[in-house]
Amino acid sequence: MTVMQHRATPPTWTLVVPLKPLPLAKSRLSGTTDDAARAGLALAFAQDTVSAALACAAVRDVAVVTDDQRAGAELGALGARIVPDTPDNGLNAALTHGEAVVRARTPDAALAALNADLPALRPAELAQVLDAAARFPRAFLADAVGTGTTLLSALPGHALAPAFGLRSRERHQASGAAEIALSGVRSVRQDVDTGADLAEAVALGVGAFTARAHLGAGAAPA
């Protein structure tokens, strides 16, 4: 049985958001849109994710790990701190690098890795997830499909130990992270990899950046 940790003062969180170079991002959308539109959608997803995260009262700051100059400029303009990525060793390496940079600056930071493709993200729902995460040394939230992960958290003194990728829900469970069991937080679960995922996010209600990019990619208004 998992023992819950109760904290007198809820932590404020630093979110680490990894983002691939835009031309390489969201490759599974390539069957539904051209390369330029796909890159624009990937950036828009990240812009809406970062905007919502920064509007969340539980979030102190957002560190975006990327070596894409366009994305860095756009997300930095929203208020994110940009952490230049290391040579492309994958998502987990990017998160570990971002964690090291953040904790070198603020060793007592409560960290949460958050996917960059949550265009329907709601600040209030993110706050609920982070409040639940604060009860455990490490915790994670499964994606809408139920096999992946959209958020992984670690309290001060604990490493993130990210295990994103295929069937990451199982791997995070096996690593000892507690699964966050909440209803009513679909916007934090609904990441976008495929055209069907994008349709689900649009039905939830995407942010302004994605709404514009979606229309620009030739979609009909929702």
N, C-alpha and C. Protein backbone atom coordinates (compact mmCIF):
# COMPACT_ATOMS: atom_id res chain seq x y z
N MET A 1 0.85 -1.19 0.00
CA MET A 1 0.00 0.00 0.00
C MET A 1 0.88 1.23 0.00
N THR A 2 0.53 2.22 -0.79
CA THR A 2 1.30 3.45 -0.87
C THR A 2 1.00 4.32 0.33
N VAL A 3 2.04 4.82 0.99
CA VAL A 3 1.88 5.73 2.12
C VAL A 3 1.86 7.14 1.59
N MET A 4 0.82 7.89 1.92
CA MET A 4 0.69 9.26 1.43
C MET A 4 1.46 10.20 2.34
N GLN A 5 2.11 11.18 1.73
CA GLN A 5 2.84 12.19 2.46
C GLN A 5 1.96 13.44 2.56
N HIS A 6 1.71 13.92 3.77
CA HIS A 6 0.93 15.12 3.95
C HIS A 6 1.88 16.26 4.28
N ARG A 7 1.80 17.33 3.55
CA ARG A 7 2.68 18.47 3.71
C ARG A 7 1.89 19.63 4.29
N ALA A 8 2.46 20.31 5.29
CA ALA A 8 1.78 21.42 5.93
C ALA A 8 1.54 22.55 4.94
N THR A 9 2.52 22.81 4.10
CA THR A 9 2.41 23.88 3.11
C THR A 9 2.52 23.26 1.73
N PRO A 10 1.51 23.41 0.89
CA PRO A 10 1.60 22.84 -0.47
C PRO A 10 2.78 23.47 -1.21
N PRO A 11 3.54 22.67 -1.94
CA PRO A 11 4.67 23.25 -2.67
C PRO A 11 4.20 24.04 -3.88
N THR A 12 5.04 24.96 -4.30
CA THR A 12 4.85 25.54 -5.63
C THR A 12 5.83 24.83 -6.55
N TRP A 13 5.41 24.64 -7.77
CA TRP A 13 6.07 23.71 -8.66
C TRP A 13 6.82 24.42 -9.78
N THR A 14 7.94 23.83 -10.15
CA THR A 14 8.60 24.16 -11.41
C THR A 14 8.29 23.04 -12.39
N LEU A 15 7.73 23.40 -13.52
CA LEU A 15 7.40 22.41 -14.54
C LEU A 15 8.51 22.37 -15.58
N VAL A 16 8.90 21.18 -15.95
CA VAL A 16 9.91 20.97 -16.99
C VAL A 16 9.19 20.41 -18.21
N VAL A 17 9.22 21.18 -19.29
CA VAL A 17 8.46 20.83 -20.51
C VAL A 17 9.45 20.60 -21.65
N PRO A 18 9.59 19.37 -22.11
CA PRO A 18 10.52 19.08 -23.21
C PRO A 18 9.85 19.28 -24.56
N LEU A 19 10.59 19.81 -25.51
CA LEU A 19 10.04 20.04 -26.84
C LEU A 19 11.09 19.74 -27.90
N LYS A 20 10.76 18.82 -28.80
CA LYS A 20 11.64 18.48 -29.91
C LYS A 20 11.79 19.68 -30.85
N PRO A 21 12.83 19.69 -31.70
CA PRO A 21 12.84 20.66 -32.81
C PRO A 21 11.55 20.54 -33.60
N LEU A 22 10.95 21.67 -33.91
CA LEU A 22 9.61 21.66 -34.51
C LEU A 22 9.50 20.83 -35.78
N PRO A 23 10.51 20.84 -36.68
CA PRO A 23 10.36 20.01 -37.89
C PRO A 23 10.27 18.51 -37.60
N LEU A 24 10.72 18.09 -36.41
CA LEU A 24 10.69 16.67 -36.05
C LEU A 24 9.52 16.31 -35.17
N ALA A 25 8.79 17.31 -34.69
CA ALA A 25 7.74 17.07 -33.72
C ALA A 25 6.45 16.58 -34.37
N LYS A 26 5.69 15.80 -33.61
CA LYS A 26 4.36 15.36 -34.02
C LYS A 26 4.35 14.65 -35.37
N SER A 27 5.29 13.73 -35.55
CA SER A 27 5.41 13.02 -36.83
C SER A 27 4.17 12.20 -37.16
N ARG A 28 3.41 11.80 -36.16
CA ARG A 28 2.22 10.98 -36.41
C ARG A 28 1.04 11.80 -36.94
N LEU A 29 1.21 13.12 -36.98
CA LEU A 29 0.21 13.97 -37.63
C LEU A 29 0.51 14.16 -39.12
N SER A 30 1.62 13.59 -39.60
CA SER A 30 2.04 13.84 -40.98
C SER A 30 1.04 13.30 -42.00
N GLY A 31 0.23 12.34 -41.63
CA GLY A 31 -0.76 11.82 -42.56
C GLY A 31 -1.98 12.71 -42.72
N THR A 32 -2.13 13.69 -41.82
CA THR A 32 -3.31 14.55 -41.87
C THR A 32 -3.00 15.99 -42.22
N THR A 33 -1.72 16.37 -42.26
CA THR A 33 -1.36 17.75 -42.56
C THR A 33 0.05 17.78 -43.13
N ASP A 34 0.40 18.88 -43.80
CA ASP A 34 1.74 18.96 -44.38
C ASP A 34 2.76 19.34 -43.31
N ASP A 35 4.04 19.29 -43.70
CA ASP A 35 5.11 19.47 -42.72
C ASP A 35 5.08 20.85 -42.06
N ALA A 36 4.84 21.89 -42.84
CA ALA A 36 4.83 23.24 -42.29
C ALA A 36 3.69 23.41 -41.29
N ALA A 37 2.51 22.90 -41.65
CA ALA A 37 1.37 23.00 -40.75
C ALA A 37 1.59 22.16 -39.49
N ARG A 38 2.23 21.01 -39.66
CA ARG A 38 2.51 20.14 -38.51
C ARG A 38 3.44 20.83 -37.52
N ALA A 39 4.50 21.48 -38.02
CA ALA A 39 5.40 22.22 -37.14
C ALA A 39 4.67 23.35 -36.44
N GLY A 40 3.78 24.02 -37.19
CA GLY A 40 3.00 25.09 -36.58
C GLY A 40 2.06 24.59 -35.50
N LEU A 41 1.47 23.43 -35.71
CA LEU A 41 0.62 22.85 -34.68
C LEU A 41 1.43 22.46 -33.45
N ALA A 42 2.60 21.86 -33.65
CA ALA A 42 3.44 21.48 -32.51
C ALA A 42 3.79 22.69 -31.66
N LEU A 43 4.14 23.80 -32.31
CA LEU A 43 4.44 25.02 -31.57
C LEU A 43 3.19 25.52 -30.86
N ALA A 44 2.05 25.52 -31.53
CA ALA A 44 0.81 26.00 -30.91
C ALA A 44 0.43 25.16 -29.70
N PHE A 45 0.59 23.83 -29.80
CA PHE A 45 0.31 22.97 -28.64
C PHE A 45 1.16 23.41 -27.45
N ALA A 46 2.45 23.64 -27.72
CA ALA A 46 3.36 24.02 -26.64
C ALA A 46 3.00 25.40 -26.08
N GLN A 47 2.62 26.32 -26.96
CA GLN A 47 2.24 27.66 -26.50
C GLN A 47 1.02 27.60 -25.59
N ASP A 48 0.02 26.81 -25.96
CA ASP A 48 -1.16 26.69 -25.11
C ASP A 48 -0.85 25.96 -23.81
N THR A 49 0.01 24.95 -23.88
CA THR A 49 0.41 24.22 -22.68
C THR A 49 1.13 25.15 -21.72
N VAL A 50 2.11 25.89 -22.21
CA VAL A 50 2.90 26.79 -21.35
C VAL A 50 2.03 27.92 -20.81
N SER A 51 1.17 28.48 -21.65
CA SER A 51 0.30 29.57 -21.20
C SER A 51 -0.59 29.11 -20.05
N ALA A 52 -1.20 27.94 -20.20
CA ALA A 52 -2.07 27.43 -19.14
C ALA A 52 -1.28 27.09 -17.89
N ALA A 53 -0.10 26.52 -18.06
CA ALA A 53 0.73 26.17 -16.90
C ALA A 53 1.12 27.42 -16.11
N LEU A 54 1.51 28.47 -16.81
CA LEU A 54 1.92 29.70 -16.13
C LEU A 54 0.74 30.40 -15.45
N ALA A 55 -0.47 30.11 -15.91
CA ALA A 55 -1.67 30.68 -15.28
C ALA A 55 -2.14 29.87 -14.08
N CYS A 56 -1.49 28.76 -13.79
CA CYS A 56 -1.87 27.88 -12.68
C CYS A 56 -1.25 28.41 -11.39
N ALA A 57 -2.07 28.60 -10.35
CA ALA A 57 -1.59 29.18 -9.10
C ALA A 57 -0.55 28.31 -8.40
N ALA A 58 -0.54 27.01 -8.69
CA ALA A 58 0.41 26.11 -8.03
C ALA A 58 1.78 26.11 -8.69
N VAL A 59 1.92 26.80 -9.82
CA VAL A 59 3.16 26.76 -10.60
C VAL A 59 3.99 28.01 -10.36
N ARG A 60 5.24 27.79 -9.96
CA ARG A 60 6.17 28.91 -9.76
C ARG A 60 6.77 29.35 -11.07
N ASP A 61 7.23 28.39 -11.89
CA ASP A 61 7.78 28.73 -13.19
C ASP A 61 7.79 27.51 -14.09
N VAL A 62 8.07 27.76 -15.36
CA VAL A 62 8.09 26.71 -16.37
C VAL A 62 9.42 26.77 -17.10
N ALA A 63 10.12 25.65 -17.15
CA ALA A 63 11.38 25.53 -17.88
C ALA A 63 11.14 24.66 -19.10
N VAL A 64 11.32 25.23 -20.28
CA VAL A 64 11.14 24.49 -21.53
C VAL A 64 12.51 24.05 -22.03
N VAL A 65 12.67 22.75 -22.21
CA VAL A 65 13.93 22.19 -22.69
C VAL A 65 13.82 21.99 -24.20
N THR A 66 14.54 22.80 -24.95
CA THR A 66 14.48 22.72 -26.40
C THR A 66 15.71 23.34 -27.02
N ASP A 67 16.08 22.88 -28.21
CA ASP A 67 17.13 23.55 -28.97
C ASP A 67 16.57 24.14 -30.25
N ASP A 68 15.24 24.28 -30.30
CA ASP A 68 14.59 24.91 -31.44
C ASP A 68 14.52 26.42 -31.18
N GLN A 69 15.19 27.22 -32.01
CA GLN A 69 15.27 28.65 -31.76
C GLN A 69 13.92 29.33 -31.88
N ARG A 70 13.13 28.95 -32.87
CA ARG A 70 11.81 29.55 -33.02
C ARG A 70 10.95 29.27 -31.80
N ALA A 71 10.89 28.02 -31.38
CA ALA A 71 10.09 27.65 -30.22
C ALA A 71 10.61 28.36 -28.97
N GLY A 72 11.93 28.41 -28.81
CA GLY A 72 12.49 29.08 -27.65
C GLY A 72 12.08 30.54 -27.58
N ALA A 73 12.13 31.22 -28.71
CA ALA A 73 11.75 32.64 -28.73
C ALA A 73 10.28 32.82 -28.40
N GLU A 74 9.42 32.00 -29.01
CA GLU A 74 7.98 32.16 -28.79
C GLU A 74 7.58 31.80 -27.36
N LEU A 75 8.14 30.73 -26.84
CA LEU A 75 7.77 30.31 -25.49
C LEU A 75 8.42 31.19 -24.43
N GLY A 76 9.63 31.68 -24.72
CA GLY A 76 10.25 32.64 -23.82
C GLY A 76 9.43 33.91 -23.71
N ALA A 77 8.83 34.33 -24.82
CA ALA A 77 8.01 35.54 -24.82
C ALA A 77 6.77 35.37 -23.94
N LEU A 78 6.33 34.14 -23.74
CA LEU A 78 5.18 33.88 -22.87
C LEU A 78 5.56 33.89 -21.40
N GLY A 79 6.86 33.82 -21.11
CA GLY A 79 7.32 33.82 -19.72
C GLY A 79 8.03 32.56 -19.28
N ALA A 80 8.19 31.60 -20.19
CA ALA A 80 8.92 30.37 -19.85
C ALA A 80 10.41 30.64 -19.80
N ARG A 81 11.12 29.88 -18.99
CA ARG A 81 12.57 29.89 -18.98
C ARG A 81 13.03 28.83 -19.98
N ILE A 82 13.92 29.19 -20.89
CA ILE A 82 14.37 28.26 -21.92
C ILE A 82 15.68 27.62 -21.50
N VAL A 83 15.69 26.30 -21.49
CA VAL A 83 16.89 25.52 -21.18
C VAL A 83 17.37 24.88 -22.46
N PRO A 84 18.52 25.31 -23.01
CA PRO A 84 19.01 24.68 -24.24
C PRO A 84 19.18 23.19 -24.06
N ASP A 85 18.69 22.42 -25.01
CA ASP A 85 18.74 20.97 -24.93
C ASP A 85 20.15 20.47 -25.24
N THR A 86 20.44 19.29 -24.75
CA THR A 86 21.68 18.60 -25.08
C THR A 86 21.51 17.94 -26.45
N PRO A 87 22.59 17.40 -27.03
CA PRO A 87 22.41 16.66 -28.30
C PRO A 87 21.31 15.62 -28.17
N ASP A 88 20.60 15.38 -29.24
CA ASP A 88 19.36 14.62 -29.19
C ASP A 88 19.58 13.19 -28.71
N ASN A 89 19.33 12.98 -27.42
CA ASN A 89 19.40 11.65 -26.84
C ASN A 89 18.03 11.17 -26.39
N GLY A 90 16.99 11.88 -26.82
CA GLY A 90 15.64 11.46 -26.50
C GLY A 90 15.00 12.24 -25.38
N LEU A 91 13.72 11.95 -25.19
CA LEU A 91 12.88 12.68 -24.24
C LEU A 91 13.37 12.55 -22.81
N ASN A 92 13.70 11.34 -22.38
CA ASN A 92 14.10 11.16 -20.98
C ASN A 92 15.42 11.86 -20.67
N ALA A 93 16.33 11.85 -21.63
CA ALA A 93 17.59 12.58 -21.43
C ALA A 93 17.34 14.08 -21.34
N ALA A 94 16.42 14.59 -22.16
CA ALA A 94 16.09 16.01 -22.10
C ALA A 94 15.50 16.38 -20.75
N LEU A 95 14.64 15.54 -20.23
CA LEU A 95 14.04 15.81 -18.92
C LEU A 95 15.07 15.74 -17.80
N THR A 96 15.97 14.78 -17.86
CA THR A 96 17.01 14.67 -16.84
C THR A 96 17.93 15.89 -16.89
N HIS A 97 18.23 16.35 -18.09
CA HIS A 97 19.04 17.56 -18.24
C HIS A 97 18.29 18.77 -17.68
N GLY A 98 17.02 18.91 -18.01
CA GLY A 98 16.24 20.02 -17.48
C GLY A 98 16.15 19.98 -15.96
N GLU A 99 15.97 18.80 -15.41
CA GLU A 99 15.93 18.65 -13.96
C GLU A 99 17.23 19.12 -13.32
N ALA A 100 18.37 18.73 -13.90
CA ALA A 100 19.67 19.12 -13.35
C ALA A 100 19.85 20.64 -13.39
N VAL A 101 19.45 21.26 -14.48
CA VAL A 101 19.59 22.72 -14.61
C VAL A 101 18.71 23.43 -13.58
N VAL A 102 17.47 22.97 -13.43
CA VAL A 102 16.56 23.61 -12.48
C VAL A 102 17.06 23.45 -11.06
N ARG A 103 17.49 22.24 -10.71
CA ARG A 103 17.87 22.01 -9.32
C ARG A 103 19.24 22.58 -8.98
N ALA A 104 20.05 22.84 -9.98
CA ALA A 104 21.30 23.55 -9.72
C ALA A 104 21.00 24.99 -9.28
N ARG A 105 19.91 25.52 -9.79
CA ARG A 105 19.50 26.89 -9.46
C ARG A 105 18.63 26.94 -8.22
N THR A 106 17.71 25.99 -8.09
CA THR A 106 16.79 25.94 -6.94
C THR A 106 16.74 24.51 -6.43
N PRO A 107 17.68 24.14 -5.55
CA PRO A 107 17.78 22.75 -5.11
C PRO A 107 16.53 22.22 -4.42
N ASP A 108 15.72 23.11 -3.85
CA ASP A 108 14.54 22.68 -3.12
C ASP A 108 13.29 22.66 -3.99
N ALA A 109 13.46 22.71 -5.31
CA ALA A 109 12.30 22.78 -6.20
C ALA A 109 11.50 21.48 -6.20
N ALA A 110 10.20 21.64 -6.14
CA ALA A 110 9.30 20.53 -6.46
C ALA A 110 9.13 20.54 -7.97
N LEU A 111 9.42 19.42 -8.61
CA LEU A 111 9.45 19.36 -10.07
C LEU A 111 8.32 18.51 -10.62
N ALA A 112 7.85 18.90 -11.80
CA ALA A 112 6.93 18.04 -12.54
C ALA A 112 7.27 18.14 -14.02
N ALA A 113 7.52 17.01 -14.63
CA ALA A 113 7.67 16.95 -16.08
C ALA A 113 6.28 16.94 -16.68
N LEU A 114 6.06 17.84 -17.66
CA LEU A 114 4.75 17.97 -18.28
C LEU A 114 4.91 17.91 -19.78
N ASN A 115 4.07 17.12 -20.44
CA ASN A 115 4.10 17.04 -21.89
C ASN A 115 3.84 18.40 -22.52
N ALA A 116 4.44 18.64 -23.68
CA ALA A 116 4.26 19.91 -24.39
C ALA A 116 3.07 19.89 -25.33
N ASP A 117 2.32 18.81 -25.37
CA ASP A 117 1.23 18.67 -26.34
C ASP A 117 -0.12 18.51 -25.65
N LEU A 118 -0.42 19.47 -24.77
CA LEU A 118 -1.68 19.47 -24.03
C LEU A 118 -2.45 20.75 -24.37
N PRO A 119 -2.95 20.87 -25.60
CA PRO A 119 -3.50 22.15 -26.04
C PRO A 119 -4.81 22.54 -25.40
N ALA A 120 -5.48 21.61 -24.71
CA ALA A 120 -6.73 21.92 -24.02
C ALA A 120 -6.51 22.12 -22.52
N LEU A 121 -5.26 22.22 -22.09
CA LEU A 121 -4.93 22.26 -20.65
C LEU A 121 -5.66 23.39 -19.94
N ARG A 122 -6.24 23.06 -18.77
CA ARG A 122 -6.93 24.02 -17.93
C ARG A 122 -6.12 24.24 -16.65
N PRO A 123 -5.82 25.49 -16.30
CA PRO A 123 -5.04 25.74 -15.09
C PRO A 123 -5.64 25.12 -13.83
N ALA A 124 -6.95 25.18 -13.67
CA ALA A 124 -7.57 24.63 -12.46
C ALA A 124 -7.41 23.11 -12.38
N GLU A 125 -7.49 22.44 -13.52
CA GLU A 125 -7.31 20.99 -13.52
C GLU A 125 -5.86 20.62 -13.25
N LEU A 126 -4.94 21.39 -13.80
CA LEU A 126 -3.52 21.16 -13.50
C LEU A 126 -3.27 21.35 -12.01
N ALA A 127 -3.88 22.35 -11.40
CA ALA A 127 -3.71 22.57 -9.96
C ALA A 127 -4.20 21.37 -9.16
N GLN A 128 -5.31 20.77 -9.58
CA GLN A 128 -5.80 19.58 -8.88
C GLN A 128 -4.80 18.44 -8.95
N VAL A 129 -4.21 18.25 -10.13
CA VAL A 129 -3.23 17.17 -10.30
C VAL A 129 -2.00 17.43 -9.44
N LEU A 130 -1.50 18.65 -9.44
CA LEU A 130 -0.32 18.96 -8.66
C LEU A 130 -0.59 18.86 -7.15
N ASP A 131 -1.79 19.22 -6.74
CA ASP A 131 -2.15 19.06 -5.32
C ASP A 131 -2.12 17.58 -4.93
N ALA A 132 -2.63 16.71 -5.80
CA ALA A 132 -2.57 15.28 -5.52
C ALA A 132 -1.14 14.78 -5.54
N ALA A 133 -0.33 15.28 -6.48
CA ALA A 133 1.06 14.84 -6.59
C ALA A 133 1.86 15.19 -5.35
N ALA A 134 1.50 16.28 -4.66
CA ALA A 134 2.24 16.74 -3.49
C ALA A 134 2.17 15.76 -2.33
N ARG A 135 1.32 14.76 -2.41
CA ARG A 135 1.17 13.78 -1.34
C ARG A 135 2.15 12.61 -1.46
N PHE A 136 2.92 12.58 -2.53
CA PHE A 136 3.80 11.45 -2.80
C PHE A 136 5.20 11.93 -3.16
N PRO A 137 6.23 11.15 -2.82
CA PRO A 137 7.58 11.53 -3.25
C PRO A 137 7.69 11.66 -4.77
N ARG A 138 7.12 10.71 -5.48
CA ARG A 138 7.05 10.74 -6.94
C ARG A 138 5.66 10.27 -7.34
N ALA A 139 5.12 10.89 -8.38
CA ALA A 139 3.78 10.52 -8.82
C ALA A 139 3.66 10.79 -10.31
N PHE A 140 2.64 10.17 -10.92
CA PHE A 140 2.44 10.39 -12.35
C PHE A 140 0.95 10.35 -12.67
N LEU A 141 0.61 10.97 -13.80
CA LEU A 141 -0.75 10.95 -14.32
C LEU A 141 -0.74 10.25 -15.67
N ALA A 142 -1.60 9.26 -15.82
CA ALA A 142 -1.71 8.54 -17.10
C ALA A 142 -2.41 9.40 -18.14
N ASP A 143 -2.10 9.14 -19.40
CA ASP A 143 -2.75 9.87 -20.49
C ASP A 143 -4.17 9.37 -20.71
N ALA A 144 -4.88 10.02 -21.63
CA ALA A 144 -6.28 9.69 -21.87
C ALA A 144 -6.45 8.27 -22.39
N VAL A 145 -5.47 7.79 -23.14
CA VAL A 145 -5.55 6.43 -23.69
C VAL A 145 -5.36 5.39 -22.59
N GLY A 146 -4.56 5.74 -21.57
CA GLY A 146 -4.36 4.85 -20.44
C GLY A 146 -3.09 4.05 -20.47
N THR A 147 -2.23 4.27 -21.46
CA THR A 147 -0.96 3.54 -21.53
C THR A 147 0.26 4.44 -21.36
N GLY A 148 0.08 5.72 -21.58
CA GLY A 148 1.20 6.66 -21.49
C GLY A 148 1.12 7.52 -20.25
N THR A 149 1.93 8.59 -20.25
CA THR A 149 2.05 9.49 -19.10
C THR A 149 2.08 10.92 -19.62
N THR A 150 1.34 11.81 -18.96
CA THR A 150 1.41 13.22 -19.34
C THR A 150 2.10 14.08 -18.30
N LEU A 151 2.18 13.61 -17.05
CA LEU A 151 2.84 14.37 -15.99
C LEU A 151 3.53 13.40 -15.05
N LEU A 152 4.76 13.75 -14.66
CA LEU A 152 5.54 12.98 -13.69
C LEU A 152 6.13 13.97 -12.70
N SER A 153 5.93 13.74 -11.42
CA SER A 153 6.36 14.71 -10.41
C SER A 153 7.38 14.10 -9.45
N ALA A 154 8.15 14.99 -8.83
CA ALA A 154 9.12 14.59 -7.80
C ALA A 154 9.27 15.73 -6.80
N LEU A 155 9.06 15.42 -5.52
CA LEU A 155 9.23 16.41 -4.47
C LEU A 155 10.72 16.66 -4.22
N PRO A 156 11.06 17.74 -3.52
CA PRO A 156 12.46 17.99 -3.21
C PRO A 156 13.12 16.78 -2.55
N GLY A 157 14.34 16.50 -2.96
CA GLY A 157 15.07 15.35 -2.44
C GLY A 157 14.82 14.06 -3.19
N HIS A 158 13.99 14.11 -4.20
CA HIS A 158 13.67 12.92 -5.00
C HIS A 158 13.92 13.22 -6.47
N ALA A 159 14.51 12.26 -7.17
CA ALA A 159 14.77 12.43 -8.60
C ALA A 159 13.52 12.12 -9.40
N LEU A 160 13.38 12.79 -10.54
CA LEU A 160 12.26 12.50 -11.43
C LEU A 160 12.31 11.06 -11.94
N ALA A 161 13.49 10.61 -12.35
CA ALA A 161 13.65 9.27 -12.94
C ALA A 161 12.63 9.03 -14.04
N PRO A 162 12.63 9.86 -15.10
CA PRO A 162 11.63 9.72 -16.15
C PRO A 162 11.79 8.44 -16.95
N ALA A 163 10.66 7.85 -17.32
CA ALA A 163 10.65 6.64 -18.14
C ALA A 163 9.57 6.78 -19.21
N PHE A 164 9.57 7.93 -19.89
CA PHE A 164 8.59 8.18 -20.93
C PHE A 164 8.90 7.32 -22.16
N GLY A 165 7.90 7.19 -23.01
CA GLY A 165 8.02 6.36 -24.20
C GLY A 165 6.90 5.34 -24.21
N LEU A 166 7.06 4.31 -25.03
CA LEU A 166 6.02 3.30 -25.19
C LEU A 166 5.67 2.67 -23.84
N ARG A 167 4.36 2.65 -23.52
CA ARG A 167 3.83 2.05 -22.29
C ARG A 167 4.51 2.63 -21.05
N SER A 168 4.63 3.95 -21.03
CA SER A 168 5.31 4.59 -19.89
C SER A 168 4.50 4.48 -18.60
N ARG A 169 3.20 4.31 -18.70
CA ARG A 169 2.42 4.13 -17.46
C ARG A 169 2.95 2.93 -16.69
N GLU A 170 3.16 1.82 -17.36
CA GLU A 170 3.67 0.62 -16.70
C GLU A 170 5.06 0.86 -16.13
N ARG A 171 5.90 1.54 -16.89
CA ARG A 171 7.27 1.76 -16.44
C ARG A 171 7.32 2.71 -15.24
N HIS A 172 6.48 3.72 -15.24
CA HIS A 172 6.47 4.62 -14.07
C HIS A 172 5.89 3.91 -12.84
N GLN A 173 4.90 3.07 -13.04
CA GLN A 173 4.42 2.26 -11.92
C GLN A 173 5.54 1.38 -11.37
N ALA A 174 6.27 0.73 -12.27
CA ALA A 174 7.34 -0.19 -11.85
C ALA A 174 8.47 0.55 -11.15
N SER A 175 8.64 1.83 -11.47
CA SER A 175 9.72 2.61 -10.85
C SER A 175 9.38 3.06 -9.44
N GLY A 176 8.15 2.82 -9.00
CA GLY A 176 7.75 3.20 -7.65
C GLY A 176 6.96 4.48 -7.57
N ALA A 177 6.73 5.15 -8.70
CA ALA A 177 5.92 6.36 -8.68
C ALA A 177 4.46 6.00 -8.45
N ALA A 178 3.78 6.81 -7.65
CA ALA A 178 2.37 6.58 -7.37
C ALA A 178 1.52 7.11 -8.51
N GLU A 179 0.51 6.36 -8.91
CA GLU A 179 -0.39 6.85 -9.94
C GLU A 179 -1.43 7.77 -9.33
N ILE A 180 -1.62 8.94 -9.94
CA ILE A 180 -2.61 9.90 -9.49
C ILE A 180 -3.96 9.48 -10.06
N ALA A 181 -4.90 9.17 -9.15
CA ALA A 181 -6.22 8.69 -9.55
C ALA A 181 -7.22 9.82 -9.34
N LEU A 182 -7.46 10.59 -10.38
CA LEU A 182 -8.40 11.71 -10.30
C LEU A 182 -9.33 11.64 -11.50
N SER A 183 -10.58 11.98 -11.28
CA SER A 183 -11.50 12.21 -12.38
C SER A 183 -11.62 13.71 -12.60
N GLY A 184 -12.16 14.09 -13.73
CA GLY A 184 -12.39 15.50 -13.98
C GLY A 184 -11.16 16.31 -14.33
N VAL A 185 -10.09 15.62 -14.77
CA VAL A 185 -8.87 16.34 -15.16
C VAL A 185 -8.48 15.92 -16.58
N ARG A 186 -9.47 15.77 -17.44
CA ARG A 186 -9.20 15.27 -18.79
C ARG A 186 -8.24 16.18 -19.55
N SER A 187 -8.29 17.49 -19.29
CA SER A 187 -7.42 18.39 -20.05
C SER A 187 -5.94 18.14 -19.77
N VAL A 188 -5.63 17.56 -18.61
CA VAL A 188 -4.24 17.26 -18.27
C VAL A 188 -3.84 15.89 -18.84
N ARG A 189 -4.81 15.11 -19.21
CA ARG A 189 -4.55 13.77 -19.77
C ARG A 189 -4.51 13.76 -21.30
N GLN A 190 -5.17 14.76 -21.93
CA GLN A 190 -5.40 14.69 -23.37
C GLN A 190 -4.22 15.25 -24.16
N ASP A 191 -3.21 14.42 -24.34
CA ASP A 191 -2.10 14.80 -25.20
C ASP A 191 -2.48 14.51 -26.65
N VAL A 192 -1.67 14.99 -27.58
CA VAL A 192 -2.01 14.88 -28.99
C VAL A 192 -0.85 14.24 -29.75
N ASP A 193 -1.08 13.04 -30.23
CA ASP A 193 -0.12 12.36 -31.11
C ASP A 193 -0.71 12.14 -32.50
N THR A 194 -2.00 11.91 -32.56
CA THR A 194 -2.65 11.54 -33.82
C THR A 194 -3.77 12.53 -34.16
N GLY A 195 -4.28 12.40 -35.37
CA GLY A 195 -5.42 13.22 -35.76
C GLY A 195 -6.63 12.98 -34.86
N ALA A 196 -6.84 11.74 -34.45
CA ALA A 196 -7.95 11.45 -33.54
C ALA A 196 -7.76 12.13 -32.20
N ASP A 197 -6.51 12.14 -31.69
CA ASP A 197 -6.23 12.85 -30.44
C ASP A 197 -6.53 14.34 -30.57
N LEU A 198 -6.15 14.92 -31.71
CA LEU A 198 -6.39 16.34 -31.93
C LEU A 198 -7.89 16.63 -31.94
N ALA A 199 -8.66 15.76 -32.56
CA ALA A 199 -10.11 15.94 -32.57
C ALA A 199 -10.67 15.90 -31.15
N GLU A 200 -10.15 15.00 -30.32
CA GLU A 200 -10.59 14.92 -28.92
C GLU A 200 -10.24 16.21 -28.17
N ALA A 201 -9.04 16.73 -28.41
CA ALA A 201 -8.63 17.97 -27.75
C ALA A 201 -9.49 19.14 -28.19
N VAL A 202 -9.77 19.22 -29.49
CA VAL A 202 -10.62 20.29 -30.01
C VAL A 202 -12.01 20.21 -29.38
N ALA A 203 -12.53 19.00 -29.22
CA ALA A 203 -13.84 18.83 -28.59
C ALA A 203 -13.83 19.30 -27.14
N LEU A 204 -12.70 19.11 -26.44
CA LEU A 204 -12.58 19.60 -25.06
C LEU A 204 -12.53 21.12 -25.03
N GLY A 205 -11.90 21.71 -26.06
CA GLY A 205 -11.74 23.16 -26.12
C GLY A 205 -10.28 23.53 -26.01
N VAL A 206 -9.63 23.72 -27.15
CA VAL A 206 -8.20 24.04 -27.16
C VAL A 206 -7.99 25.53 -26.92
N GLY A 207 -6.74 25.88 -26.61
CA GLY A 207 -6.39 27.27 -26.41
C GLY A 207 -6.33 28.04 -27.71
N ALA A 208 -6.09 29.35 -27.57
CA ALA A 208 -6.16 30.25 -28.73
C ALA A 208 -5.09 29.94 -29.77
N PHE A 209 -3.89 29.56 -29.35
CA PHE A 209 -2.83 29.29 -30.31
C PHE A 209 -3.18 28.09 -31.18
N THR A 210 -3.65 27.02 -30.54
CA THR A 210 -4.01 25.82 -31.30
C THR A 210 -5.23 26.06 -32.18
N ALA A 211 -6.18 26.82 -31.67
CA ALA A 211 -7.38 27.10 -32.47
C ALA A 211 -7.00 27.80 -33.77
N ARG A 212 -6.07 28.77 -33.69
CA ARG A 212 -5.65 29.47 -34.90
C ARG A 212 -4.86 28.54 -35.82
N ALA A 213 -3.94 27.78 -35.25
CA ALA A 213 -3.12 26.89 -36.07
C ALA A 213 -3.97 25.80 -36.70
N HIS A 214 -4.97 25.32 -36.00
CA HIS A 214 -5.85 24.28 -36.51
C HIS A 214 -6.63 24.79 -37.72
N LEU A 215 -7.14 26.01 -37.60
CA LEU A 215 -7.82 26.61 -38.74
C LEU A 215 -6.86 26.84 -39.90
N GLY A 216 -5.66 27.29 -39.58
CA GLY A 216 -4.66 27.53 -40.63
C GLY A 216 -4.25 26.27 -41.34
N ALA A 217 -4.37 25.13 -40.65
CA ALA A 217 -4.03 23.84 -41.27
C ALA A 217 -5.17 23.30 -42.13
N GLY A 218 -6.27 24.07 -42.19
CA GLY A 218 -7.37 23.68 -43.08
C GLY A 218 -8.54 23.03 -42.40
N ALA A 219 -8.57 23.05 -41.05
CA ALA A 219 -9.69 22.44 -40.34
C ALA A 219 -10.89 23.37 -40.34
N ALA A 220 -12.06 22.76 -40.26
CA ALA A 220 -13.26 23.56 -40.13
C ALA A 220 -13.40 24.04 -38.70
N PRO A 221 -14.00 25.20 -38.44
CA PRO A 221 -14.19 25.67 -37.08
C PRO A 221 -14.99 24.67 -36.27
N ALA A 222 -14.64 24.55 -34.99
CA ALA A 222 -15.38 23.62 -34.11
C ALA A 222 -16.73 24.21 -33.74
